[in-house]
N, C-alpha and C. Protein backbone atom coordinates (compact mmCIF):
# COMPACT_ATOMS: atom_id res chain seq x y z
N MET A 1 -13.56 -74.90 -1.11
CA MET A 1 -12.38 -75.31 -0.41
C MET A 1 -11.78 -76.53 -1.12
N CYS A 2 -10.48 -76.53 -1.26
CA CYS A 2 -9.77 -77.64 -1.90
C CYS A 2 -8.94 -78.37 -0.86
N LEU A 3 -8.92 -79.68 -0.96
CA LEU A 3 -8.13 -80.49 -0.06
C LEU A 3 -7.13 -81.32 -0.84
N ALA A 4 -5.94 -81.44 -0.31
CA ALA A 4 -4.95 -82.35 -0.85
C ALA A 4 -4.63 -83.34 0.25
N VAL A 5 -4.62 -84.62 -0.09
CA VAL A 5 -4.49 -85.68 0.89
C VAL A 5 -3.15 -86.40 0.70
N PRO A 6 -2.41 -86.65 1.78
CA PRO A 6 -1.15 -87.38 1.65
C PRO A 6 -1.39 -88.88 1.44
N ALA A 7 -0.54 -89.47 0.62
CA ALA A 7 -0.62 -90.91 0.34
C ALA A 7 0.78 -91.42 0.02
N ARG A 8 0.97 -92.73 0.25
CA ARG A 8 2.27 -93.37 -0.03
C ARG A 8 2.18 -94.15 -1.34
N ILE A 9 3.17 -93.98 -2.19
CA ILE A 9 3.22 -94.69 -3.46
C ILE A 9 3.62 -96.14 -3.22
N THR A 10 2.79 -97.07 -3.72
CA THR A 10 3.11 -98.49 -3.56
C THR A 10 3.48 -99.16 -4.88
N LYS A 11 3.10 -98.55 -6.00
CA LYS A 11 3.42 -99.11 -7.31
C LYS A 11 3.38 -97.98 -8.33
N ILE A 12 4.25 -98.05 -9.32
CA ILE A 12 4.27 -97.05 -10.39
C ILE A 12 4.18 -97.77 -11.73
N ASP A 13 3.29 -97.29 -12.59
CA ASP A 13 3.12 -97.83 -13.93
C ASP A 13 3.00 -96.65 -14.88
N GLY A 14 4.14 -96.23 -15.44
CA GLY A 14 4.14 -95.06 -16.32
C GLY A 14 3.81 -93.80 -15.55
N GLU A 15 2.75 -93.11 -15.97
CA GLU A 15 2.34 -91.87 -15.31
C GLU A 15 1.27 -92.10 -14.25
N GLU A 16 1.00 -93.36 -13.93
CA GLU A 16 -0.02 -93.68 -12.93
C GLU A 16 0.63 -94.42 -11.76
N ALA A 17 0.16 -94.11 -10.56
CA ALA A 17 0.67 -94.79 -9.37
C ALA A 17 -0.49 -95.35 -8.56
N ILE A 18 -0.20 -96.44 -7.86
CA ILE A 18 -1.13 -96.99 -6.88
C ILE A 18 -0.69 -96.39 -5.55
N LEU A 19 -1.65 -95.80 -4.84
CA LEU A 19 -1.35 -95.09 -3.60
C LEU A 19 -2.09 -95.70 -2.42
N ASP A 20 -1.46 -95.62 -1.26
CA ASP A 20 -2.05 -96.08 -0.01
C ASP A 20 -2.34 -94.86 0.86
N TYR A 21 -3.62 -94.62 1.09
CA TYR A 21 -4.07 -93.53 1.94
C TYR A 21 -4.38 -94.09 3.33
N GLY A 22 -3.41 -94.65 4.01
CA GLY A 22 -3.64 -95.22 5.32
C GLY A 22 -4.58 -96.41 5.30
N GLY A 23 -4.43 -97.26 4.31
CA GLY A 23 -5.26 -98.45 4.19
C GLY A 23 -6.25 -98.41 3.05
N VAL A 24 -6.53 -97.25 2.53
CA VAL A 24 -7.41 -97.11 1.37
C VAL A 24 -6.51 -97.01 0.13
N ILE A 25 -6.74 -97.89 -0.83
CA ILE A 25 -5.89 -97.96 -2.03
C ILE A 25 -6.61 -97.30 -3.20
N ARG A 26 -5.92 -96.38 -3.87
CA ARG A 26 -6.46 -95.68 -5.03
C ARG A 26 -5.35 -95.43 -6.05
N LYS A 27 -5.75 -95.05 -7.26
CA LYS A 27 -4.81 -94.67 -8.31
C LYS A 27 -4.76 -93.16 -8.42
N ALA A 28 -3.61 -92.65 -8.88
CA ALA A 28 -3.48 -91.22 -9.16
C ALA A 28 -2.44 -91.02 -10.25
N ASN A 29 -2.57 -89.93 -10.95
CA ASN A 29 -1.64 -89.55 -11.99
C ASN A 29 -0.44 -88.86 -11.34
N ILE A 30 0.77 -89.26 -11.71
CA ILE A 30 1.98 -88.67 -11.14
C ILE A 30 2.79 -87.89 -12.18
N SER A 31 2.20 -87.56 -13.30
CA SER A 31 2.94 -86.91 -14.39
C SER A 31 3.45 -85.52 -14.03
N MET A 32 2.88 -84.89 -13.00
CA MET A 32 3.34 -83.55 -12.60
C MET A 32 4.63 -83.61 -11.78
N LEU A 33 5.02 -84.81 -11.34
CA LEU A 33 6.21 -84.97 -10.51
C LEU A 33 7.22 -85.87 -11.22
N SER A 34 8.45 -85.42 -11.31
CA SER A 34 9.44 -86.19 -12.06
C SER A 34 10.35 -87.05 -11.18
N ASP A 35 10.34 -86.82 -9.88
CA ASP A 35 11.32 -87.49 -9.03
C ASP A 35 10.71 -88.39 -7.96
N VAL A 36 9.55 -88.98 -8.21
CA VAL A 36 8.93 -89.83 -7.20
C VAL A 36 9.27 -91.30 -7.46
N LYS A 37 9.27 -92.07 -6.35
CA LYS A 37 9.55 -93.50 -6.45
C LYS A 37 8.68 -94.24 -5.44
N ILE A 38 8.65 -95.54 -5.54
CA ILE A 38 7.88 -96.37 -4.61
C ILE A 38 8.35 -96.08 -3.19
N GLY A 39 7.39 -95.88 -2.29
CA GLY A 39 7.69 -95.57 -0.90
C GLY A 39 7.60 -94.10 -0.57
N ASP A 40 7.65 -93.24 -1.60
CA ASP A 40 7.52 -91.80 -1.37
C ASP A 40 6.10 -91.43 -0.98
N TYR A 41 5.98 -90.34 -0.24
CA TYR A 41 4.68 -89.76 0.08
C TYR A 41 4.44 -88.56 -0.82
N VAL A 42 3.22 -88.44 -1.29
CA VAL A 42 2.83 -87.33 -2.16
C VAL A 42 1.51 -86.75 -1.67
N LEU A 43 1.28 -85.48 -2.01
CA LEU A 43 -0.02 -84.86 -1.79
C LEU A 43 -0.84 -85.05 -3.05
N VAL A 44 -2.08 -85.50 -2.90
CA VAL A 44 -2.93 -85.78 -4.05
C VAL A 44 -4.17 -84.89 -4.00
N HIS A 45 -4.45 -84.25 -5.12
CA HIS A 45 -5.64 -83.43 -5.27
C HIS A 45 -6.30 -83.77 -6.60
N ALA A 46 -7.57 -84.11 -6.56
CA ALA A 46 -8.37 -84.38 -7.76
C ALA A 46 -7.72 -85.44 -8.66
N GLY A 47 -7.12 -86.46 -8.04
CA GLY A 47 -6.55 -87.56 -8.80
C GLY A 47 -5.15 -87.33 -9.33
N TYR A 48 -4.53 -86.22 -8.94
CA TYR A 48 -3.17 -85.90 -9.39
C TYR A 48 -2.25 -85.69 -8.19
N ALA A 49 -1.09 -86.31 -8.22
CA ALA A 49 -0.07 -86.04 -7.21
C ALA A 49 0.52 -84.68 -7.54
N ILE A 50 0.43 -83.74 -6.59
CA ILE A 50 0.84 -82.36 -6.88
C ILE A 50 2.15 -81.95 -6.21
N SER A 51 2.57 -82.71 -5.19
CA SER A 51 3.87 -82.43 -4.58
C SER A 51 4.32 -83.63 -3.77
N LYS A 52 5.62 -83.68 -3.56
CA LYS A 52 6.23 -84.75 -2.77
C LYS A 52 6.36 -84.26 -1.33
N LEU A 53 6.17 -85.17 -0.37
CA LEU A 53 6.27 -84.83 1.05
C LEU A 53 7.37 -85.65 1.71
N GLU A 54 7.96 -85.09 2.75
CA GLU A 54 8.84 -85.86 3.61
C GLU A 54 7.96 -86.82 4.42
N GLU A 55 8.48 -88.01 4.72
CA GLU A 55 7.69 -89.02 5.43
C GLU A 55 7.17 -88.49 6.76
N LYS A 56 8.01 -87.80 7.52
CA LYS A 56 7.60 -87.28 8.83
C LYS A 56 6.39 -86.35 8.69
N GLU A 57 6.45 -85.44 7.73
CA GLU A 57 5.35 -84.50 7.51
C GLU A 57 4.07 -85.24 7.09
N ALA A 58 4.22 -86.23 6.22
CA ALA A 58 3.06 -86.99 5.75
C ALA A 58 2.41 -87.75 6.90
N LEU A 59 3.22 -88.39 7.74
CA LEU A 59 2.68 -89.16 8.86
C LEU A 59 1.99 -88.26 9.89
N GLU A 60 2.55 -87.06 10.12
CA GLU A 60 1.91 -86.11 11.03
C GLU A 60 0.55 -85.66 10.48
N THR A 61 0.49 -85.42 9.19
CA THR A 61 -0.76 -85.01 8.55
C THR A 61 -1.79 -86.13 8.60
N LEU A 62 -1.37 -87.36 8.33
CA LEU A 62 -2.29 -88.50 8.41
C LEU A 62 -2.82 -88.69 9.82
N LYS A 63 -1.97 -88.46 10.81
CA LYS A 63 -2.41 -88.55 12.21
C LYS A 63 -3.49 -87.51 12.50
N LEU A 64 -3.30 -86.29 12.00
CA LEU A 64 -4.30 -85.24 12.19
C LEU A 64 -5.62 -85.61 11.51
N TRP A 65 -5.55 -86.20 10.31
CA TRP A 65 -6.76 -86.66 9.62
C TRP A 65 -7.51 -87.67 10.48
N ASP A 66 -6.76 -88.64 11.04
CA ASP A 66 -7.37 -89.66 11.89
C ASP A 66 -8.06 -89.03 13.10
N GLU A 67 -7.38 -88.08 13.74
CA GLU A 67 -7.95 -87.42 14.91
C GLU A 67 -9.21 -86.64 14.54
N MET A 68 -9.18 -86.00 13.39
CA MET A 68 -10.33 -85.23 12.93
C MET A 68 -11.52 -86.17 12.66
N LEU A 69 -11.26 -87.29 12.04
CA LEU A 69 -12.32 -88.25 11.74
C LEU A 69 -12.91 -88.84 13.02
N LEU A 70 -12.07 -89.10 14.01
CA LEU A 70 -12.58 -89.63 15.28
C LEU A 70 -13.45 -88.61 16.00
N ALA A 71 -13.13 -87.33 15.87
CA ALA A 71 -13.90 -86.27 16.51
C ALA A 71 -15.28 -86.14 15.88
N VAL A 72 -15.40 -86.48 14.61
CA VAL A 72 -16.68 -86.37 13.90
C VAL A 72 -17.61 -87.53 14.25
N GLU A 73 -17.04 -88.69 14.52
CA GLU A 73 -17.84 -89.88 14.81
C GLU A 73 -18.59 -89.81 16.07
């Protein structure tokens, strides 16, 4: 099973971006996407941003992740 996780771009440096996964900060490669900017939400799989998301959709998905994690605890 493969998972892609939504994250918000906080900084861009060439083909690499700093992403915020709801408080967890990581780097990812954005070379597959040509139209992203700081503040955009992207889906990330295996360290690569694979698609751009609308903010509403990203926030709904992050909410579901939070609910799922709370159910496991």
